[in-house]
Structures are given as structure tokens and as C-alpha cells.
């Protein structure tokens, strides 16, 4: 029994040794390499680029108050449509004490002047009735009385404006009413009732009460790399795709290319703006992320081959043309002239024809 086991072990070791040797011998033998064969074809090639950007209103108008105070009423919210002249908000005036005191003093002076003018006119009226004074003297006091009444009204109106911001003679055009300056969609209302606001002046920009834009006048704003900006031109068409609205595709026309680039992550890019053709009934929102596809060049019915078969050497390009298949494939390195490429296929303008058979991907056997 022991002798049998010993013989079995030796046979097993011999089998493993022989198997390993055979495996290594087979793997050490050179493998024949063959290649797929590619044939040129006639077709169209279009080179495009995709620009990333956003859909924005051409003009976003910030509605600012004409007076400083506190918001007492807000009549709109984001998403509302407003017309030019609509009241967006109302402001409660916090009067300046010095101005308020000056306005009160003006009223008191106007009352004194009015009392004096009334007394003189009453006295002259009696004298005129008795033919003691001339008509001219009588009319002079009447004019002075009218002027005194007008001054009192003006002083009281000035006091009302200082205290409440509202003119009694023209309440509809009060500065306390913040009105929309254009017809459009309310994009944002950054204030609330009770918020303090200040008017715009030379020292500050003022508080924005609401932002309004015409959503029928939109632009695509994106950036293009410096390597491609030279291939774009004003008036060129592009197609806009919006990620949030996959079924909506818009047309746009390039209307501005920035003359100066900006450096972004080490690369120079140029801002581009395109007017978007907004179909009626489509409600777009400001700030949608979008991609714009632009055709940089296009050729039709030309000789094309897969770009993967091209060998690049400096400024020269080569392909390997099949010359023989027996006993194995043989290829001749041939210079070609290329044209437009779409990243997958490339145009061949010289060097080979449609009957050429080219070396493709390697297939090892």
C-alpha cells in the first residue's frame, strides 16, 4: 500500500512538472498579430462645440424707492406679472426732526402773513367803498391776500410731504408709492413689510424693493474657449438645450462676443451672448442652466475615415494601407492630408481613395 502511494505521488509531481513546462512553452511562442481592416466612405462631417451657460433676461430692472422710510405695504411677490406704473410697495416716511420743525415754522409765518393781509384788505375795502383810495390800492391788497393764502397752502403741503411723504394736492404721484418702471415678471422681492429702505443718491445705490424683467426678451450667456472663439461670428445660429426642460429646444443667434478674455481655471475664455427665440406659451425662468450647440464647420459628401486609424507625427498625418495578406498582413505607411473632424470621423482630402484598405485596431490571436 505504501509503495502504491509513493508511486502515485511521483506520478502526480511529474504530471505537474510536465504541465507547467508545456504551459510556459506555449505562452513563450510569438503570437500572430492581425488588424481589423477599415475602408474609407463618403459622408458628411460637422464640427460642433457645446457651450455651457445660463438663460437670463436681457434686462433686469431693480425697482428702488424715491424716498427713505419703512415698508408699510407690499403688493407683489416673486412670479407676479406687473405693468408699468403698477404700485409695487408703499413706504411710510420717518420724518427728519429738523425738516419737520422748519416746515411747522413756515406754516406759522404763513398764518401771520395771511392775518396781516386779511386785515389790510378789509380796511382797504371800506376805504375803497367810500372812494377814499384808488382802485389800484384796493387791488394790490387783494393780490397780497391771495398770495398769502397760496403761501399757507404751500406751507401746509410741504409739511405733509415732510411728515407723511404725500402731497395733498397730488396724492396719486406720491413718492411713498413705489411703482414698476417696466412691464414684466417679478423675479425677486428682497424686502419685507417693516424693512427699512433708503433712496438712491450719489452716496449709495439705494435699497432694491423688487426686481422686474421682461421674460419674452431672453439671452443665453456662456463662455467659449480661446481655441474656438475665432470660429464663431456674430449672427451665427445655435441650438439651446435646457437641463430642467429636456423636451424644450430653442434657437438662438449670436449677437455679442467679448473682445477680452478672462482666465478661468488656467484657461482663457470669452463671454458670448445670444438672443433666444422664445416660443409663445413657454414659461422660462431666469437662471436656467443651458447648453448651446454651435456648428463650427461642416463639409458634405467627402471621403471620411475613423480618426482612430490616423497616426499623428508633428504636423504630419499618416495611415497604414494594406498591401498584402499572404502569408500575413502587410501595410505601407502612407501620408495623408486631413480636413474637418468631428472627433470620431475625419475628412481625407489627399493621399488615399475610397478603394484603399487601411489598418484598424489590433486583433491578437
Protein backbone atom coordinates (compact mmCIF):
# COMPACT_ATOMS: atom_id res chain seq x y z
CA UNK A 1 0.00 0.00 0.00
CA UNK A 2 2.79 2.38 0.91
CA UNK A 3 4.60 1.53 -2.32
CA UNK A 4 1.45 2.38 -4.30
CA UNK A 5 1.09 5.76 -2.61
CA UNK A 6 4.72 6.57 -3.26
CA UNK A 7 4.38 5.76 -6.96
CA UNK A 8 1.18 7.86 -7.16
CA UNK A 9 2.90 10.87 -5.60
CA UNK A 10 5.81 10.67 -8.01
CA UNK A 11 3.43 10.44 -10.97
CA UNK A 12 1.49 13.46 -9.72
CA UNK A 13 4.67 15.51 -9.35
CA UNK A 14 5.79 14.50 -12.83
CA UNK A 15 2.41 15.46 -14.30
CA UNK A 16 2.52 18.91 -12.65
CA UNK A 17 6.07 19.46 -13.89
CA UNK A 18 5.28 18.43 -17.46
CA UNK A 19 2.07 20.52 -17.49
CA UNK A 20 3.92 23.61 -16.27
CA UNK A 21 6.60 23.16 -18.89
CA UNK A 22 4.05 22.78 -21.68
CA UNK A 23 2.12 25.88 -20.50
CA UNK A 24 5.26 28.01 -20.37
CA UNK A 25 6.40 26.73 -23.75
CA UNK A 26 3.09 27.57 -25.40
CA UNK A 27 2.99 31.06 -23.88
CA UNK A 28 6.57 31.73 -24.92
CA UNK A 29 5.74 31.22 -28.57
CA UNK A 30 5.24 34.51 -30.52
CA UNK A 31 1.59 35.25 -31.25
CA UNK A 32 0.49 36.28 -34.67
CA UNK A 33 -0.92 39.81 -34.74
CA UNK A 34 -3.63 40.80 -37.16
CA UNK A 35 -5.58 44.00 -37.67
CA UNK A 36 -9.12 44.98 -38.50
CA UNK A 37 -9.46 46.43 -41.97
CA UNK A 38 -11.10 49.85 -42.39
CA UNK A 39 -12.46 51.13 -45.70
CA UNK A 40 -12.99 54.89 -46.36
CA UNK A 41 -16.54 56.04 -47.01
CA UNK A 42 -18.38 59.10 -48.34
CA UNK A 43 -20.24 61.14 -45.78
CA UNK A 44 -20.86 64.46 -44.05
CA UNK A 45 -18.75 65.79 -41.20
CA UNK A 46 -19.78 68.62 -38.91
CA UNK A 47 -17.57 70.01 -36.20
CA UNK A 48 -19.56 71.34 -33.26
CA UNK A 49 -18.82 72.67 -29.84
CA UNK A 50 -21.01 72.84 -26.75
CA UNK A 51 -21.03 75.98 -24.61
CA UNK A 52 -22.30 75.92 -21.04
CA UNK A 53 -24.11 78.89 -19.61
CA UNK A 54 -27.43 80.24 -18.38
CA UNK A 55 -30.67 81.69 -19.66
CA UNK A 56 -31.01 85.25 -18.43
CA UNK A 57 -33.31 88.21 -19.10
CA UNK A 58 -31.70 90.81 -21.30
CA UNK A 59 -32.51 93.49 -18.72
CA UNK A 60 -33.26 93.01 -15.03
CA UNK A 61 -34.64 96.25 -13.65
CA UNK A 62 -34.19 96.95 -9.95
CA UNK A 63 -37.09 98.96 -8.56
CA UNK A 64 -35.82 101.41 -5.93
CA UNK A 65 -37.68 103.93 -3.73
CA UNK A 66 -37.51 107.68 -4.24
CA UNK A 67 -37.65 108.33 -0.50
CA UNK A 68 -36.24 106.70 2.62
CA UNK A 69 -38.53 105.11 5.17
CA UNK A 70 -40.11 101.82 6.23
CA UNK A 71 -42.03 99.40 4.00
CA UNK A 72 -45.66 99.52 5.13
CA UNK A 73 -47.20 97.50 2.30
CA UNK A 74 -46.02 95.10 -0.42
CA UNK A 75 -48.42 94.39 -3.26
CA UNK A 76 -46.47 91.81 -5.30
CA UNK A 77 -44.46 88.65 -4.86
CA UNK A 78 -41.98 86.74 -7.00
CA UNK A 79 -43.70 85.28 -10.06
CA UNK A 80 -46.34 88.01 -10.43
CA UNK A 81 -46.80 89.94 -13.66
CA UNK A 82 -46.82 93.74 -13.32
CA UNK A 83 -47.47 96.57 -15.74
CA UNK A 84 -45.55 99.80 -15.94
CA UNK A 85 -46.92 102.14 -13.28
CA UNK A 86 -48.37 99.43 -11.00
CA UNK A 87 -47.81 100.08 -7.29
CA UNK A 88 -45.27 97.55 -6.04
CA UNK A 89 -44.98 98.77 -2.45
CA UNK A 90 -45.84 101.64 -0.14
CA UNK A 91 -43.39 103.40 2.15
CA UNK A 92 -44.06 105.02 5.49
CA UNK A 93 -41.97 108.14 5.95
CA UNK A 94 -39.93 108.62 9.11
CA UNK A 95 -39.69 112.45 9.14
CA UNK A 96 -36.47 114.30 9.89
CA UNK A 97 -37.00 116.42 13.00
CA UNK A 98 -35.11 119.43 11.65
CA UNK A 99 -37.10 119.42 8.40
CA UNK A 100 -40.34 118.91 10.32
CA UNK A 101 -39.59 121.88 12.61
CA UNK A 102 -38.72 124.07 9.62
CA UNK A 103 -41.99 123.12 7.88
CA UNK A 104 -44.02 123.98 11.02
CA UNK A 105 -42.24 127.32 11.29
CA UNK A 106 -43.11 128.07 7.68
CA UNK A 107 -46.80 127.39 8.41
CA UNK A 108 -46.81 129.77 11.39
CA UNK A 109 -45.16 132.52 9.34
CA UNK A 110 -47.68 131.96 6.55
CA UNK A 111 -50.58 132.25 9.01
CA UNK A 112 -49.20 135.55 10.37
CA UNK A 113 -48.80 136.91 6.84
CA UNK A 114 -52.32 135.79 5.96
CA UNK A 115 -53.82 137.52 9.02
CA UNK A 116 -52.00 140.72 8.17
CA UNK A 117 -53.09 140.55 4.53
CA UNK A 118 -56.72 139.96 5.56
CA UNK A 119 -56.75 142.96 7.88
CA UNK A 120 -55.23 145.27 5.27
CA UNK A 121 -57.62 144.10 2.62
CA UNK A 122 -60.66 144.53 4.88
CA UNK A 123 -59.54 148.08 5.76
CA UNK A 124 -58.91 148.98 2.13
CA UNK A 125 -62.27 147.51 1.17
CA UNK A 126 -64.03 150.03 3.46
CA UNK A 127 -61.88 152.89 2.19
CA UNK A 128 -62.48 151.91 -1.42
CA UNK A 129 -66.23 151.78 -0.87
CA UNK A 130 -66.04 155.37 0.47
CA UNK A 131 -63.98 156.43 -2.56
CA UNK A 132 -61.03 157.32 -0.31
CA UNK A 133 -58.41 155.14 -2.05
CA UNK A 134 -57.86 154.27 -5.66
CA UNK A 135 -58.88 151.02 -7.29
CA UNK A 136 -55.19 150.18 -7.76
CA UNK A 137 -54.53 150.31 -4.00
CA UNK A 138 -57.56 148.09 -3.41
CA UNK A 139 -56.44 145.50 -5.97
CA UNK A 140 -52.92 145.48 -4.52
CA UNK A 141 -54.20 144.35 -1.12
CA UNK A 142 -56.47 141.77 -2.78
CA UNK A 143 -53.46 140.35 -4.60
CA UNK A 144 -51.42 140.27 -1.39
CA UNK A 145 -54.26 138.40 0.34
CA UNK A 146 -54.40 135.78 -2.43
CA UNK A 147 -50.65 135.33 -2.28
CA UNK A 148 -50.79 134.87 1.49
CA UNK A 149 -53.45 132.16 1.14
CA UNK A 150 -51.36 130.38 -1.53
CA UNK A 151 -48.28 130.52 0.67
CA UNK A 152 -50.20 128.98 3.59
CA UNK A 153 -51.44 126.14 1.35
CA UNK A 154 -47.92 125.55 0.04
CA UNK A 155 -46.51 125.52 3.58
CA UNK A 156 -49.13 123.02 4.73
CA UNK A 157 -48.45 120.84 1.67
CA UNK A 158 -44.70 120.96 2.35
CA UNK A 159 -45.36 119.91 5.94
CA UNK A 160 -47.47 116.97 4.71
CA UNK A 161 -44.67 115.85 2.38
CA UNK A 162 -42.05 116.04 5.15
CA UNK A 163 -44.23 114.22 7.67
CA UNK A 164 -46.01 111.64 5.52
CA UNK A 165 -44.31 111.83 2.13
CA UNK A 166 -47.66 112.58 0.48
CA UNK A 167 -48.66 115.79 -1.24
CA UNK A 168 -52.27 116.74 -0.54
CA UNK A 169 -52.59 118.26 -4.00
CA UNK A 170 -51.18 115.21 -5.89
CA UNK A 171 -51.52 112.12 -3.69
CA UNK A 172 -51.54 109.74 -6.68
CA UNK A 173 -47.97 110.68 -7.60
CA UNK A 174 -46.66 110.43 -4.07
CA UNK A 175 -43.03 109.40 -3.61
CA UNK A 176 -44.20 106.93 -0.97
CA UNK A 177 -45.68 104.75 -3.72
CA UNK A 178 -43.02 102.53 -5.31
CA UNK A 179 -44.13 101.82 -8.88
CA UNK A 180 -42.97 99.36 -11.53
CA UNK A 181 -40.95 101.12 -14.23
CA UNK A 182 -41.45 98.39 -16.88
CA UNK A 183 -43.96 95.68 -17.75
CA UNK A 184 -42.68 92.23 -16.89
CA UNK A 185 -42.32 89.39 -14.41
CA UNK A 186 -41.34 90.00 -10.79
CA UNK A 187 -38.19 87.92 -10.25
CA UNK A 188 -37.45 88.81 -6.65
CA UNK A 189 -38.79 90.85 -3.75
CA UNK A 190 -35.86 91.09 -1.31
CA UNK A 191 -37.66 93.23 1.31
CA UNK A 192 -40.50 92.60 3.74
CA UNK A 193 -43.09 94.75 5.48
CA UNK A 194 -41.23 96.61 8.20
CA UNK A 195 -37.91 96.67 6.36
CA UNK A 196 -36.07 99.98 6.30
CA UNK A 197 -35.24 101.31 2.83
CA UNK A 198 -33.16 104.22 1.61
CA UNK A 199 -33.41 106.17 -1.61
CA UNK A 200 -30.70 106.07 -4.25
CA UNK A 201 -28.30 109.02 -4.25
CA UNK A 202 -24.68 109.84 -5.02
CA UNK A 203 -23.53 108.14 -1.82
CA UNK A 204 -25.26 104.76 -2.23
CA UNK A 205 -27.25 102.68 -4.69
CA UNK A 206 -30.39 102.61 -2.59
CA UNK A 207 -32.47 99.64 -1.46
CA UNK A 208 -33.93 97.32 -4.09
CA UNK A 209 -37.62 96.75 -3.42
CA UNK A 210 -38.22 94.39 -6.35
CA UNK A 211 -36.52 93.08 -9.49
CA UNK A 212 -38.59 93.00 -12.69
CA UNK A 213 -37.67 91.60 -16.11
CA UNK A 214 -39.29 91.05 -19.49
CA UNK A 215 -39.20 87.24 -19.83
CA UNK A 216 -40.03 87.46 -23.53
CA UNK A 217 -36.65 89.06 -24.16
CA UNK A 218 -34.07 86.48 -23.07
CA UNK A 219 -30.43 85.85 -23.86
CA UNK A 220 -28.07 82.90 -23.49
CA UNK A 221 -24.89 83.89 -21.70
CA UNK A 222 -21.99 81.42 -21.80
CA UNK A 223 -18.24 81.09 -22.30
CA UNK A 224 -16.18 79.75 -25.18
CA UNK A 225 -12.56 78.61 -25.11
CA UNK A 226 -9.93 80.74 -26.83
CA UNK A 227 -9.15 77.86 -29.23
CA UNK A 228 -12.67 78.05 -30.67
CA UNK A 229 -13.66 81.69 -30.30
CA UNK A 230 -12.09 82.52 -33.67
CA UNK A 231 -14.51 80.12 -35.38
CA UNK A 232 -17.58 81.96 -34.05
CA UNK A 233 -19.13 85.07 -35.54
CA UNK A 234 -21.97 87.46 -34.78
CA UNK A 235 -25.18 86.28 -36.43
CA UNK A 236 -24.28 82.60 -36.16
CA UNK A 237 -27.13 80.30 -35.14
CA UNK A 238 -27.04 77.90 -32.20
CA UNK A 239 -29.40 75.42 -30.55
CA UNK A 240 -30.16 75.73 -26.84
CA UNK A 241 -30.94 72.75 -24.61
CA UNK A 242 -32.15 73.33 -21.05
CA UNK A 243 -31.42 70.64 -18.49
CA UNK A 244 -34.58 71.33 -16.47
CA UNK A 245 -36.75 71.17 -19.63
CA UNK A 246 -35.39 68.24 -21.68
CA UNK A 247 -38.23 68.38 -24.22
CA UNK A 248 -37.71 72.07 -24.99
CA UNK A 249 -35.19 73.09 -27.65
CA UNK A 250 -34.68 76.73 -28.52
CA UNK A 251 -32.96 78.57 -31.35
CA UNK A 252 -30.65 81.48 -30.68
CA UNK A 253 -28.45 83.86 -32.66
CA UNK A 254 -25.03 85.07 -31.51
CA UNK A 255 -25.16 88.83 -31.02
CA UNK A 256 -22.03 89.58 -28.99
CA UNK A 257 -18.60 88.04 -28.46
CA UNK A 258 -16.46 89.62 -25.75
CA UNK A 259 -13.35 91.32 -27.17
CA UNK A 260 -11.42 90.50 -24.00
CA UNK A 261 -10.99 87.09 -22.40
CA UNK A 262 -10.94 86.13 -18.75
CA UNK A 263 -8.82 83.45 -17.13
CA UNK A 264 -10.82 80.61 -15.61
CA UNK A 265 -9.01 77.65 -14.03
CA UNK A 266 -5.90 78.42 -16.03
CA UNK A 267 -7.71 78.70 -19.39
CA UNK A 268 -8.72 81.83 -21.27
CA UNK A 269 -12.41 82.03 -22.08
CA UNK A 270 -14.54 84.64 -23.81
CA UNK A 271 -18.10 85.54 -22.86
CA UNK A 272 -20.70 85.09 -25.56
CA UNK A 273 -24.27 86.36 -25.68
CA UNK A 274 -27.01 85.08 -27.96
CA UNK A 275 -30.58 86.29 -28.42
CA UNK A 276 -33.01 83.46 -27.64
CA UNK A 277 -36.12 82.93 -29.73
CA UNK A 278 -38.77 82.31 -27.07
CA UNK A 279 -41.85 80.45 -28.39
CA UNK A 280 -45.17 81.87 -27.24
CA UNK A 281 -46.64 79.99 -24.32
CA UNK A 282 -43.33 78.69 -22.96
CA UNK A 283 -42.70 79.94 -19.45
CA UNK A 284 -38.97 80.07 -18.94
CA UNK A 285 -37.35 81.01 -15.66
CA UNK A 286 -34.35 83.24 -15.21
CA UNK A 287 -31.17 81.39 -14.30
CA UNK A 288 -31.90 78.05 -16.01
CA UNK A 289 -28.65 76.21 -16.77
CA UNK A 290 -28.36 75.57 -20.50
CA UNK A 291 -26.05 74.15 -23.15
CA UNK A 292 -25.64 75.75 -26.55
CA UNK A 293 -24.55 73.65 -29.53
CA UNK A 294 -22.77 75.62 -32.25
CA UNK A 295 -21.61 74.38 -35.64
CA UNK A 296 -18.01 75.49 -36.20
CA UNK A 297 -17.54 73.94 -39.65
CA UNK A 298 -19.33 71.47 -41.92
CA UNK A 299 -18.47 69.58 -45.11
CA UNK A 300 -20.76 67.34 -47.16
CA UNK A 301 -20.18 64.26 -49.33
CA UNK A 302 -16.46 63.95 -48.58
CA UNK A 303 -14.09 61.00 -48.08
CA UNK A 304 -14.01 60.08 -44.38
CA UNK A 305 -12.26 57.54 -42.17
CA UNK A 306 -12.33 56.90 -38.42
CA UNK A 307 -9.93 59.28 -36.71
CA UNK A 308 -8.58 56.36 -34.67
CA UNK A 309 -6.68 54.97 -37.70
CA UNK A 310 -4.70 58.19 -38.12
CA UNK A 311 -1.10 58.31 -36.92
CA UNK A 312 -0.03 61.80 -35.87
CA UNK A 313 3.58 62.85 -36.21
CA UNK A 314 4.13 66.55 -35.58
CA UNK A 315 2.24 68.42 -38.27
CA UNK A 316 2.01 65.33 -40.49
CA UNK A 317 -0.61 62.57 -40.57
CA UNK A 318 -0.24 59.00 -41.79
CA UNK A 319 -2.30 55.86 -42.36
CA UNK A 320 -1.25 52.27 -42.99
CA UNK A 321 -2.55 50.93 -46.31
CA UNK A 322 -2.95 47.15 -46.73
CA UNK A 323 -0.64 45.82 -49.47
CA UNK A 324 -0.72 42.03 -48.92
CA UNK A 325 -2.48 39.38 -46.85
CA UNK A 326 -0.37 36.25 -47.63
CA UNK A 327 1.22 34.78 -45.65
CA UNK A 328 0.32 37.61 -43.29
CA UNK A 329 -0.99 41.15 -43.43
CA UNK A 330 1.43 43.76 -44.72
CA UNK A 331 0.89 47.54 -44.61
CA UNK A 332 2.56 50.55 -46.16
CA UNK A 333 2.81 53.80 -44.19
CA UNK A 334 1.20 56.50 -46.33
CA UNK A 335 1.00 60.25 -45.76
CA UNK A 336 -2.49 61.78 -46.00
CA UNK A 337 -3.94 65.26 -45.84
CA UNK A 338 -6.81 65.72 -43.42
CA UNK A 339 -9.64 68.22 -43.17
CA UNK A 340 -12.63 68.70 -40.86
CA UNK A 341 -13.04 66.35 -37.91
CA UNK A 342 -15.96 65.76 -35.57
CA UNK A 343 -13.86 63.85 -33.05
CA UNK A 344 -14.93 60.45 -34.40
CA UNK A 345 -14.52 60.68 -38.16
CA UNK A 346 -12.12 62.85 -40.13
CA UNK A 347 -12.08 64.16 -43.69
CA UNK A 348 -9.32 62.96 -46.04
CA UNK A 349 -8.51 65.37 -48.86
CA UNK A 350 -5.43 63.67 -50.34
CA UNK A 351 -3.29 60.52 -50.07
CA UNK A 352 -5.83 57.68 -50.40
CA UNK A 353 -9.07 56.95 -52.22
CA UNK A 354 -12.29 55.07 -51.49
CA UNK A 355 -10.76 51.75 -52.61
CA UNK A 356 -7.93 51.86 -50.04
CA UNK A 357 -7.96 49.34 -47.23
CA UNK A 358 -6.49 50.67 -44.01
CA UNK A 359 -5.13 49.15 -40.84
CA UNK A 360 -7.52 49.42 -37.95
CA UNK A 361 -7.47 48.11 -34.40
CA UNK A 362 -5.10 45.30 -33.47
CA UNK A 363 -6.51 41.80 -33.00
CA UNK A 364 -4.14 39.27 -31.39
CA UNK A 365 -4.59 35.54 -31.97
